[in-house]
C-alpha atoms as a PDB file:
ATOM      1  CA  MET A   1      -4.768  -1.137 -12.013  1.00  0.00           C
ATOM      2  CA  THR A   2      -7.221  -1.970  -9.308  1.00  0.00           C
ATOM      3  CA  ALA A   3     -10.380  -0.701  -7.874  1.00  0.00           C
ATOM      4  CA  ASN A   4     -11.746  -1.371  -4.608  1.00  0.00           C
ATOM      5  CA  ILE A   5     -15.384   0.124  -3.649  1.00  0.00           C
ATOM      6  CA  VAL A   6     -16.736  -1.641  -0.458  1.00  0.00           C
ATOM      7  CA  ARG A   7     -19.406  -0.986   1.876  1.00  0.00           C
ATOM      8  CA  GLY A   8     -21.032  -2.247   4.782  1.00  0.00           C
ATOM      9  CA  THR A   9     -24.047  -1.370   6.629  1.00  0.00           C
ATOM     10  CA  ALA A  10     -25.578  -3.345   9.491  1.00  0.00           C
ATOM     11  CA  LEU A  11     -28.773  -4.108   8.798  1.00  0.00           C
ATOM     12  CA  ASP A  12     -30.408  -3.516  12.153  1.00  0.00           C
ATOM     13  CA  GLU A  13     -29.127  -0.404  12.671  1.00  0.00           C
ATOM     14  CA  ASP A  14     -28.597   1.155   9.264  1.00  0.00           C
ATOM     15  CA  ALA A  15     -24.907   2.131  11.126  1.00  0.00           C
ATOM     16  CA  ASP A  16     -21.615   1.528   8.984  1.00  0.00           C
ATOM     17  CA  LEU A  17     -19.531  -1.556  10.123  1.00  0.00           C
ATOM     18  CA  ASP A  18     -15.968  -1.603  11.143  1.00  0.00           C
ATOM     19  CA  ASP A  19     -12.970  -2.785   8.555  1.00  0.00           C
ATOM     20  CA  ILE A  20     -14.223  -1.492   5.232  1.00  0.00           C
ATOM     21  CA  ALA A  21     -11.546  -0.271   3.776  1.00  0.00           C
ATOM     22  CA  PRO A  22     -11.833   3.159   1.937  1.00  0.00           C
ATOM     23  CA  ASP A  23     -12.562   3.767  -1.838  1.00  0.00           C
ATOM     24  CA  THR A  24      -9.193   3.087  -3.347  1.00  0.00           C
ATOM     25  CA  VAL A  25      -7.119   2.762  -7.019  1.00  0.00           C
ATOM     26  CA  SER A  26      -4.044   1.330  -7.746  1.00  0.00           C
ATOM     27  CA  VAL A  27      -1.859   1.356 -10.852  1.00  0.00           C
ATOM     28  CA  SER A  28       1.682  -0.798 -10.697  1.00  0.00           C
ATOM     29  CA  GLY A  29       3.759  -1.554 -13.312  1.00  0.00           C
ATOM     30  CA  ARG A  30       6.709  -3.413 -14.194  1.00  0.00           C
ATOM     31  CA  ARG A  31       9.468  -3.678 -16.647  1.00  0.00           C
ATOM     32  CA  ALA A  32      12.162  -5.904 -17.569  1.00  0.00           C
ATOM     33  CA  PHE A  33      15.362  -5.002 -19.248  1.00  0.00           C
ATOM     34  CA  GLY A  34      17.002  -8.375 -20.696  1.00  0.00           C
ATOM     35  CA  ALA A  35      16.621 -11.758 -18.424  1.00  0.00           C
ATOM     36  CA  GLY A  36      18.282 -10.032 -15.228  1.00  0.00           C
ATOM     37  CA  VAL A  37      16.971  -6.761 -14.464  1.00  0.00           C
ATOM     38  CA  TYR A  38      13.792  -4.802 -13.767  1.00  0.00           C
ATOM     39  CA  VAL A  39      12.124  -2.094 -12.042  1.00  0.00           C
ATOM     40  CA  GLN A  40       8.864  -1.574 -10.962  1.00  0.00           C
ATOM     41  CA  THR A  41       6.177   1.282  -9.515  1.00  0.00           C
ATOM     42  CA  ARG A  42       2.966   1.185  -8.068  1.00  0.00           C
ATOM     43  CA  LEU A  43       0.812   4.299  -6.984  1.00  0.00           C
ATOM     44  CA  ALA A  44      -2.237   3.609  -4.860  1.00  0.00           C
ATOM     45  CA  VAL A  45      -4.691   6.057  -4.034  1.00  0.00           C
ATOM     46  CA  SER A  46      -7.133   6.035  -0.575  1.00  0.00           C
ATOM     47  CA  ALA A  47     -10.007   8.434  -0.269  1.00  0.00           C
ATOM     48  CA  ASP A  48     -10.949   9.769   3.140  1.00  0.00           C
ATOM     49  CA  ASP A  49     -12.694   7.309   5.388  1.00  0.00           C
ATOM     50  CA  ASN A  50     -15.906   9.162   6.063  1.00  0.00           C
ATOM     51  CA  ARG A  51     -17.855   6.145   6.918  1.00  0.00           C
ATOM     52  CA  PRO A  52     -16.145   4.536  10.150  1.00  0.00           C
ATOM     53  CA  GLY A  53     -17.598   2.093  12.219  1.00  0.00           C
ATOM     54  CA  PRO A  54     -18.779   1.925  15.760  1.00  0.00           C
ATOM     55  CA  SER A  55     -14.938   1.646  16.899  1.00  0.00           C
ATOM     56  CA  GLU A  56     -13.663   3.485  14.322  1.00  0.00           C
ATOM     57  CA  VAL A  57     -12.656   7.255  13.540  1.00  0.00           C
ATOM     58  CA  ALA A  58     -12.526   9.038  10.067  1.00  0.00           C
ATOM     59  CA  SER A  59      -9.259   9.107   8.573  1.00  0.00           C
ATOM     60  CA  PRO A  60      -7.798  10.875   5.741  1.00  0.00           C
ATOM     61  CA  GLY A  61      -6.801   9.530   2.518  1.00  0.00           C
ATOM     62  CA  ALA A  62      -3.282   9.315   1.409  1.00  0.00           C
ATOM     63  CA  MET A  63      -1.251   9.031  -1.765  1.00  0.00           C
ATOM     64  CA  LEU A  64       1.537   6.295  -1.830  1.00  0.00           C
ATOM     65  CA  LEU A  65       4.285   6.110  -4.494  1.00  0.00           C
ATOM     66  CA  ASP A  66       6.321   2.571  -4.543  1.00  0.00           C
ATOM     67  CA  ILE A  67       9.611   2.077  -6.573  1.00  0.00           C
ATOM     68  CA  GLY A  68      11.687  -0.647  -6.814  1.00  0.00           C
ATOM     69  CA  GLY A  69      13.604  -2.938  -8.986  1.00  0.00           C
ATOM     70  CA  GLY A  70      15.867  -6.054  -9.083  1.00  0.00           C
ATOM     71  CA  TRP A  71      18.857  -7.112 -10.675  1.00  0.00           C
ATOM     72  CA  ARG A  72      20.258 -10.743 -10.851  1.00  0.00           C
ATOM     73  CA  VAL A  73      23.976 -11.150 -10.281  1.00  0.00           C
ATOM     74  CA  MET A  74      23.917 -14.736 -11.276  1.00  0.00           C
ATOM     75  CA  PRO A  75      21.409 -18.160 -11.219  1.00  0.00           C
ATOM     76  CA  GLN A  76      21.210 -18.272  -7.654  1.00  0.00           C
ATOM     77  CA  LEU A  77      21.383 -14.852  -6.523  1.00  0.00           C
ATOM     78  CA  GLU A  78      19.187 -11.751  -6.877  1.00  0.00           C
ATOM     79  CA  ILE A  79      19.589  -8.016  -5.586  1.00  0.00           C
ATOM     80  CA  ARG A  80      16.839  -6.390  -4.556  1.00  0.00           C
ATOM     81  CA  ALA A  81      16.090  -2.985  -3.704  1.00  0.00           C
ATOM     82  CA  MET A  82      12.657  -1.157  -2.694  1.00  0.00           C
ATOM     83  CA  VAL A  83      11.826   2.637  -1.844  1.00  0.00           C
ATOM     84  CA  ARG A  84       7.681   2.571  -0.284  1.00  0.00           C
ATOM     85  CA  ASN A  85       5.813   5.932   0.276  1.00  0.00           C
ATOM     86  CA  LEU A  86       8.557   7.800  -1.988  1.00  0.00           C
ATOM     87  CA  LEU A  87       6.106  10.684  -1.266  1.00  0.00           C
ATOM     88  CA  ASN A  88       6.391  10.581   2.993  1.00  0.00           C
ATOM     89  CA  ASP A  89       2.580  11.088   2.649  1.00  0.00           C
ATOM     90  CA  GLU A  90       1.075  10.820   6.169  1.00  0.00           C
ATOM     91  CA  TYR A  91      -1.618   8.490   6.830  1.00  0.00           C
ATOM     92  CA  TYR A  92      -3.243   6.589   9.494  1.00  0.00           C
ATOM     93  CA  ALA A  93      -1.584   2.931  10.369  1.00  0.00           C
ATOM     94  CA  SER A  94      -5.679   2.188  11.467  1.00  0.00           C
ATOM     95  CA  PRO A  95      -8.926   3.940  11.914  1.00  0.00           C
ATOM     96  CA  ASP A  96      -8.189   3.010  15.662  1.00  0.00           C
ATOM     97  CA  PRO A  97      -9.354   5.782  18.271  1.00  0.00           C
ATOM     98  CA  ARG A  98      -6.172   5.619  19.150  1.00  0.00           C
ATOM     99  CA  TRP A  99      -4.582   5.681  16.035  1.00  0.00           C
ATOM    100  CA  VAL A 100      -0.508   6.114  15.662  1.00  0.00           C
ATOM    101  CA  TRP A 101       0.983   7.545  11.980  1.00  0.00           C
ATOM    102  CA  ALA A 102       1.896   5.089   9.547  1.00  0.00           C
ATOM    103  CA  PRO A 103       5.336   4.655   8.989  1.00  0.00           C
ATOM    104  CA  GLY A 104       6.736   7.180   6.384  1.00  0.00           C
ATOM    105  CA  ARG A 105       9.187   6.850   3.851  1.00  0.00           C
ATOM    106  CA  SER A 106      11.045   3.831   3.951  1.00  0.00           C
ATOM    107  CA  ALA A 107      14.025   1.979   1.458  1.00  0.00           C
ATOM    108  CA  SER A 108      15.087  -2.179   1.841  1.00  0.00           C
ATOM    109  CA  LEU A 109      18.001  -3.769   0.105  1.00  0.00           C
ATOM    110  CA  THR A 110      17.430  -7.378  -0.231  1.00  0.00           C
ATOM    111  CA  ALA A 111      19.919 -10.474  -1.447  1.00  0.00           C
ATOM    112  CA  ALA A 112      17.377 -13.484  -2.104  1.00  0.00           C
ATOM    113  CA  VAL A 113      19.870 -16.535  -2.460  1.00  0.00           C
ATOM    114  CA  GLU A 114      18.549 -19.942  -3.907  1.00  0.00           C
ATOM    115  CA  PHE A 115      20.089 -23.186  -2.508  1.00  0.00           C
END
């Protein structure tokens, strides 16, 4: 479990600074099943960012749930799968005034080969 609470204020103007992340809490877990299979999950919750810096806009919070797993097929080959943003939550990709929505739900399948 991690928690991030960061504040940044310009001393001369008492204004909020750019690039200060909103309050965030995340919980991760990973479970192995034998020597070759594992599953993992991560839940991250970000608060609304109501302290934008001078070149940013306020942005809504988000809740992201990622799940994945892997299978070591043989000593040199591992197959990995990951689904990100399983809940398909909408959130800003950045606090820039010309923000766009971040990618929605996505999935990947990867083969990792060791030489």
